[in-house]
């Protein structure tokens, strides 16, 4: 369900957070669904358990999941809507466009063009 890219320049814990948000927003992780234990996910992804723990803590702080005694991390009823799921990518796109000196109007025009082509 998760695919991490260590060479992406995005921290592994952030990739877990972002992918979990997308899975919840897309309905692939429904309210009440349990996330894998920290140890299980760390072993499956071949990463340090502290990385998974940090991701889970951030998801809990955001209200996407909650910790339930004896069960683990569970997707909340509030979950996440689709617009919140794309926010990290949209923010990264805006930062890149600003660094390149692109105007808001040009960026929106480019997005509109790509939207129609995709």
N, C-alpha and C. Protein backbone atom coordinates (compact mmCIF):
# COMPACT_ATOMS: atom_id res chain seq x y z
N UNK A 1 0.83 -1.19 0.00
CA UNK A 1 0.00 0.00 0.00
C UNK A 1 0.87 1.26 0.00
N UNK A 2 2.06 1.17 0.59
CA UNK A 2 2.97 2.31 0.67
C UNK A 2 4.18 2.06 -0.21
N UNK A 3 4.66 3.12 -0.82
CA UNK A 3 5.86 3.04 -1.64
C UNK A 3 6.72 4.27 -1.34
N UNK A 4 7.85 4.03 -0.71
CA UNK A 4 8.73 5.14 -0.32
C UNK A 4 9.89 5.27 -1.28
N UNK A 5 10.30 6.51 -1.51
CA UNK A 5 11.43 6.79 -2.38
C UNK A 5 12.47 7.58 -1.59
N UNK A 6 13.52 6.91 -1.10
CA UNK A 6 14.53 7.60 -0.30
C UNK A 6 15.27 8.70 -1.07
N UNK A 7 15.28 8.63 -2.38
CA UNK A 7 16.00 9.60 -3.19
C UNK A 7 15.15 10.80 -3.58
N UNK A 8 13.91 10.87 -3.12
CA UNK A 8 12.99 11.92 -3.57
C UNK A 8 13.29 13.30 -2.99
N UNK A 9 14.04 13.34 -1.90
CA UNK A 9 14.27 14.62 -1.24
C UNK A 9 13.21 14.94 -0.20
N UNK A 10 12.19 14.11 -0.12
CA UNK A 10 11.13 14.25 0.89
C UNK A 10 11.41 13.20 1.95
N UNK A 11 11.38 13.62 3.21
CA UNK A 11 11.69 12.68 4.30
C UNK A 11 10.73 11.48 4.26
N UNK A 12 11.23 10.36 4.72
CA UNK A 12 10.42 9.14 4.69
C UNK A 12 9.17 9.27 5.55
N UNK A 13 9.29 9.90 6.71
CA UNK A 13 8.10 10.05 7.56
C UNK A 13 7.06 10.92 6.86
N UNK A 14 7.50 11.95 6.15
CA UNK A 14 6.57 12.83 5.42
C UNK A 14 5.90 12.06 4.28
N UNK A 15 6.64 11.18 3.63
CA UNK A 15 6.04 10.36 2.57
C UNK A 15 4.95 9.45 3.15
N UNK A 16 5.19 8.89 4.33
CA UNK A 16 4.18 8.05 4.98
C UNK A 16 2.94 8.88 5.32
N UNK A 17 3.17 10.07 5.88
CA UNK A 17 2.05 10.96 6.22
C UNK A 17 1.25 11.30 4.97
N UNK A 18 1.93 11.74 3.93
CA UNK A 18 1.25 12.15 2.70
C UNK A 18 0.49 11.00 2.05
N UNK A 19 1.12 9.83 2.00
CA UNK A 19 0.45 8.68 1.38
C UNK A 19 -0.75 8.22 2.20
N UNK A 20 -0.63 8.28 3.52
CA UNK A 20 -1.77 7.91 4.37
C UNK A 20 -2.92 8.88 4.16
N UNK A 21 -2.61 10.18 4.09
CA UNK A 21 -3.65 11.17 3.85
C UNK A 21 -4.37 10.90 2.52
N UNK A 22 -3.60 10.56 1.49
CA UNK A 22 -4.21 10.26 0.19
C UNK A 22 -5.08 9.00 0.26
N UNK A 23 -4.61 7.98 0.94
CA UNK A 23 -5.39 6.74 1.08
C UNK A 23 -6.70 6.99 1.81
N UNK A 24 -6.66 7.83 2.84
CA UNK A 24 -7.87 8.15 3.59
C UNK A 24 -8.81 8.98 2.71
N UNK A 25 -8.29 10.00 2.06
CA UNK A 25 -9.12 10.87 1.23
C UNK A 25 -9.75 10.12 0.07
N UNK A 26 -9.02 9.14 -0.46
CA UNK A 26 -9.54 8.36 -1.59
C UNK A 26 -10.49 7.26 -1.16
N UNK A 27 -10.63 7.06 0.15
CA UNK A 27 -11.53 6.05 0.65
C UNK A 27 -10.93 4.65 0.71
N UNK A 28 -9.64 4.55 0.46
CA UNK A 28 -8.99 3.23 0.54
C UNK A 28 -8.69 2.85 1.98
N UNK A 29 -8.61 3.84 2.85
CA UNK A 29 -8.54 3.63 4.30
C UNK A 29 -9.78 4.30 4.87
N UNK A 30 -10.73 3.52 5.31
CA UNK A 30 -12.01 4.06 5.79
C UNK A 30 -11.98 4.28 7.30
N UNK A 31 -12.89 5.11 7.81
CA UNK A 31 -12.96 5.29 9.26
C UNK A 31 -13.07 3.94 9.97
N UNK A 32 -12.27 3.79 11.01
CA UNK A 32 -12.24 2.54 11.77
C UNK A 32 -11.17 1.57 11.31
N UNK A 33 -10.59 1.83 10.13
CA UNK A 33 -9.53 0.95 9.63
C UNK A 33 -8.28 1.12 10.48
N UNK A 34 -7.61 0.02 10.75
CA UNK A 34 -6.39 0.05 11.54
C UNK A 34 -5.17 0.18 10.64
N UNK A 35 -4.25 1.04 11.02
CA UNK A 35 -2.97 1.11 10.33
C UNK A 35 -2.10 -0.03 10.85
N UNK A 36 -1.13 -0.48 10.06
CA UNK A 36 -0.20 -1.50 10.56
C UNK A 36 0.53 -0.99 11.79
N UNK A 37 0.93 -1.90 12.66
CA UNK A 37 1.71 -1.48 13.82
C UNK A 37 3.00 -0.83 13.36
N UNK A 38 3.61 -0.06 14.24
CA UNK A 38 4.87 0.62 13.90
C UNK A 38 5.90 -0.40 13.47
N UNK A 39 6.04 -1.47 14.23
CA UNK A 39 7.04 -2.49 13.91
C UNK A 39 6.76 -3.18 12.58
N UNK A 40 5.49 -3.48 12.33
CA UNK A 40 5.12 -4.15 11.08
C UNK A 40 5.42 -3.25 9.88
N UNK A 41 4.99 -1.99 9.96
CA UNK A 41 5.24 -1.09 8.84
C UNK A 41 6.73 -0.86 8.64
N UNK A 42 7.46 -0.69 9.72
CA UNK A 42 8.91 -0.48 9.61
C UNK A 42 9.57 -1.69 8.95
N UNK A 43 9.16 -2.88 9.33
CA UNK A 43 9.74 -4.09 8.73
C UNK A 43 9.35 -4.21 7.27
N UNK A 44 8.08 -3.94 6.95
CA UNK A 44 7.61 -4.03 5.56
C UNK A 44 8.34 -3.05 4.65
N UNK A 45 8.60 -1.84 5.17
CA UNK A 45 9.23 -0.80 4.36
C UNK A 45 10.75 -0.77 4.52
N UNK A 46 11.26 -1.61 5.42
CA UNK A 46 12.69 -1.69 5.71
C UNK A 46 13.24 -0.33 6.14
N UNK A 47 12.56 0.27 7.12
CA UNK A 47 12.99 1.56 7.66
C UNK A 47 13.00 1.49 9.19
N UNK A 48 13.54 2.52 9.81
CA UNK A 48 13.62 2.60 11.26
C UNK A 48 12.22 2.78 11.85
N UNK A 49 11.88 2.03 12.90
CA UNK A 49 10.56 2.19 13.53
C UNK A 49 10.28 3.62 14.01
N UNK A 50 11.31 4.36 14.39
CA UNK A 50 11.10 5.74 14.83
C UNK A 50 10.56 6.62 13.70
N UNK A 51 10.90 6.28 12.47
CA UNK A 51 10.38 7.02 11.32
C UNK A 51 8.87 6.83 11.21
N UNK A 52 8.43 5.60 11.37
CA UNK A 52 7.00 5.31 11.32
C UNK A 52 6.29 5.95 12.51
N UNK A 53 6.92 5.87 13.67
CA UNK A 53 6.33 6.45 14.88
C UNK A 53 6.13 7.96 14.72
N UNK A 54 7.10 8.63 14.12
CA UNK A 54 6.98 10.07 13.90
C UNK A 54 5.82 10.37 12.94
N UNK A 55 5.71 9.58 11.88
CA UNK A 55 4.63 9.77 10.91
C UNK A 55 3.27 9.57 11.59
N UNK A 56 3.16 8.54 12.39
CA UNK A 56 1.90 8.26 13.08
C UNK A 56 1.55 9.39 14.05
N UNK A 57 2.56 9.92 14.73
CA UNK A 57 2.31 11.04 15.65
C UNK A 57 1.78 12.26 14.91
N UNK A 58 2.36 12.55 13.76
CA UNK A 58 1.89 13.69 12.96
C UNK A 58 0.46 13.46 12.46
N UNK A 59 0.16 12.24 12.05
CA UNK A 59 -1.20 11.92 11.60
C UNK A 59 -2.20 12.04 12.74
N UNK A 60 -1.76 11.64 13.93
CA UNK A 60 -2.63 11.76 15.10
C UNK A 60 -2.87 13.23 15.45
N UNK A 61 -1.82 14.05 15.41
CA UNK A 61 -1.96 15.48 15.69
C UNK A 61 -2.89 16.15 14.69
N UNK A 62 -2.87 15.68 13.45
CA UNK A 62 -3.73 16.26 12.41
C UNK A 62 -5.17 15.75 12.49
N UNK A 63 -5.41 14.77 13.36
CA UNK A 63 -6.77 14.24 13.50
C UNK A 63 -7.16 13.22 12.46
N UNK A 64 -6.20 12.75 11.69
CA UNK A 64 -6.49 11.75 10.65
C UNK A 64 -6.66 10.38 11.29
N UNK A 65 -5.86 10.09 12.31
CA UNK A 65 -5.95 8.82 13.03
C UNK A 65 -6.00 9.10 14.53
N UNK A 66 -6.39 8.07 15.27
CA UNK A 66 -6.34 8.18 16.73
C UNK A 66 -5.78 6.87 17.28
N UNK A 67 -5.14 7.00 18.44
CA UNK A 67 -4.56 5.84 19.09
C UNK A 67 -5.61 5.20 19.98
N UNK A 68 -5.86 3.90 19.77
CA UNK A 68 -6.80 3.17 20.60
C UNK A 68 -6.07 2.07 21.34
N UNK A 69 -6.22 2.07 22.64
CA UNK A 69 -5.54 1.08 23.48
C UNK A 69 -5.93 -0.33 23.04
N UNK A 70 -4.92 -1.16 22.84
CA UNK A 70 -5.13 -2.55 22.47
C UNK A 70 -5.39 -2.78 21.00
N UNK A 71 -5.58 -1.69 20.25
CA UNK A 71 -5.89 -1.80 18.83
C UNK A 71 -4.79 -1.17 17.98
N UNK A 72 -4.31 -0.02 18.38
CA UNK A 72 -3.30 0.70 17.62
C UNK A 72 -3.87 1.97 17.01
N UNK A 73 -3.34 2.34 15.88
CA UNK A 73 -3.75 3.57 15.20
C UNK A 73 -4.93 3.26 14.27
N UNK A 74 -6.01 4.03 14.45
CA UNK A 74 -7.25 3.81 13.72
C UNK A 74 -7.65 5.10 13.01
N UNK A 75 -8.12 4.97 11.76
CA UNK A 75 -8.58 6.13 11.00
C UNK A 75 -9.82 6.70 11.70
N UNK A 76 -9.84 8.01 11.90
CA UNK A 76 -10.94 8.67 12.60
C UNK A 76 -12.16 8.83 11.68
N UNK A 77 -13.28 9.11 12.31
CA UNK A 77 -14.50 9.39 11.55
C UNK A 77 -14.34 10.66 10.74
N UNK A 78 -13.65 11.63 11.32
CA UNK A 78 -13.44 12.90 10.61
C UNK A 78 -12.59 12.68 9.38
N UNK A 79 -11.59 11.79 9.54
CA UNK A 79 -10.72 11.46 8.41
C UNK A 79 -10.13 12.68 7.74
N UNK A 80 -10.32 12.76 6.45
CA UNK A 80 -9.69 13.80 5.67
C UNK A 80 -10.45 13.95 4.37
N UNK A 81 -10.66 15.18 3.94
CA UNK A 81 -11.31 15.30 2.65
C UNK A 81 -10.26 15.43 1.54
N UNK A 82 -10.72 15.29 0.31
CA UNK A 82 -9.83 15.25 -0.84
C UNK A 82 -9.01 16.54 -0.97
N UNK A 83 -9.62 17.68 -0.69
CA UNK A 83 -8.89 18.94 -0.84
C UNK A 83 -7.73 19.04 0.15
N UNK A 84 -7.92 18.47 1.35
CA UNK A 84 -6.82 18.48 2.32
C UNK A 84 -5.71 17.54 1.89
N UNK A 85 -6.06 16.47 1.19
CA UNK A 85 -5.07 15.48 0.77
C UNK A 85 -4.09 16.05 -0.26
N UNK A 86 -4.55 16.95 -1.11
CA UNK A 86 -3.66 17.49 -2.14
C UNK A 86 -2.90 18.72 -1.67
N UNK A 87 -3.22 19.20 -0.47
CA UNK A 87 -2.59 20.42 0.02
C UNK A 87 -1.07 20.38 0.06
N UNK A 88 -0.43 19.28 0.55
CA UNK A 88 1.03 19.28 0.56
C UNK A 88 1.65 19.41 -0.83
N UNK A 89 1.06 18.71 -1.81
CA UNK A 89 1.58 18.80 -3.18
C UNK A 89 1.33 20.18 -3.78
N UNK A 90 0.16 20.74 -3.50
CA UNK A 90 -0.15 22.07 -4.01
C UNK A 90 0.79 23.12 -3.42
N UNK A 91 1.07 23.00 -2.13
CA UNK A 91 1.98 23.95 -1.48
C UNK A 91 3.38 23.84 -2.07
N UNK A 92 3.83 22.61 -2.34
CA UNK A 92 5.15 22.42 -2.94
C UNK A 92 5.19 23.02 -4.34
N UNK A 93 4.11 22.84 -5.10
CA UNK A 93 4.04 23.42 -6.44
C UNK A 93 4.10 24.94 -6.39
N UNK A 94 3.38 25.53 -5.47
CA UNK A 94 3.38 26.99 -5.33
C UNK A 94 4.76 27.50 -4.96
N UNK A 95 5.43 26.81 -4.02
CA UNK A 95 6.79 27.22 -3.64
C UNK A 95 7.74 27.17 -4.85
N UNK A 96 7.65 26.10 -5.62
CA UNK A 96 8.50 25.96 -6.80
C UNK A 96 8.22 27.06 -7.81
N UNK A 97 6.95 27.32 -8.07
CA UNK A 97 6.57 28.36 -9.03
C UNK A 97 7.09 29.73 -8.58
N UNK A 98 6.98 30.02 -7.29
CA UNK A 98 7.48 31.30 -6.77
C UNK A 98 8.99 31.40 -6.90
N UNK A 99 9.69 30.30 -6.62
CA UNK A 99 11.15 30.29 -6.75
C UNK A 99 11.58 30.54 -8.19
N UNK A 100 10.74 30.10 -9.12
CA UNK A 100 11.04 30.30 -10.54
C UNK A 100 10.55 31.66 -11.05
N UNK A 101 9.90 32.42 -10.18
CA UNK A 101 9.42 33.74 -10.57
C UNK A 101 8.14 33.70 -11.38
N UNK A 102 7.43 32.61 -11.31
CA UNK A 102 6.18 32.46 -12.07
C UNK A 102 5.06 33.22 -11.37
N UNK A 103 4.19 33.84 -12.14
CA UNK A 103 3.06 34.55 -11.55
C UNK A 103 1.94 33.57 -11.24
N UNK A 104 1.05 34.00 -10.36
CA UNK A 104 -0.12 33.17 -9.99
C UNK A 104 -0.97 32.89 -11.22
N UNK A 105 -1.16 33.88 -12.04
CA UNK A 105 -1.99 33.73 -13.24
C UNK A 105 -1.37 32.71 -14.19
N UNK A 106 -0.04 32.78 -14.38
CA UNK A 106 0.64 31.82 -15.26
C UNK A 106 0.56 30.40 -14.71
N UNK A 107 0.70 30.28 -13.39
CA UNK A 107 0.63 28.95 -12.78
C UNK A 107 -0.78 28.36 -12.95
N UNK A 108 -1.79 29.17 -12.69
CA UNK A 108 -3.16 28.69 -12.85
C UNK A 108 -3.45 28.31 -14.29
N UNK A 109 -2.95 29.10 -15.24
CA UNK A 109 -3.15 28.79 -16.66
C UNK A 109 -2.49 27.46 -17.01
N UNK A 110 -1.30 27.23 -16.47
CA UNK A 110 -0.60 25.97 -16.73
C UNK A 110 -1.35 24.80 -16.12
N UNK A 111 -1.86 24.97 -14.92
CA UNK A 111 -2.63 23.91 -14.27
C UNK A 111 -3.90 23.62 -15.08
N UNK A 112 -4.59 24.67 -15.52
CA UNK A 112 -5.80 24.48 -16.33
C UNK A 112 -5.49 23.71 -17.61
N UNK A 113 -4.38 24.05 -18.25
CA UNK A 113 -3.99 23.38 -19.49
C UNK A 113 -3.70 21.90 -19.22
N UNK A 114 -2.92 21.64 -18.17
CA UNK A 114 -2.60 20.25 -17.83
C UNK A 114 -3.83 19.46 -17.42
N UNK A 115 -4.75 20.14 -16.72
CA UNK A 115 -5.99 19.48 -16.30
C UNK A 115 -6.76 18.97 -17.52
N UNK A 116 -6.83 19.80 -18.55
CA UNK A 116 -7.56 19.44 -19.76
C UNK A 116 -6.84 18.33 -20.53
N UNK A 117 -5.52 18.34 -20.49
CA UNK A 117 -4.74 17.34 -21.23
C UNK A 117 -4.67 15.99 -20.52
N UNK A 118 -4.88 16.00 -19.23
CA UNK A 118 -4.69 14.76 -18.46
C UNK A 118 -5.98 13.99 -18.32
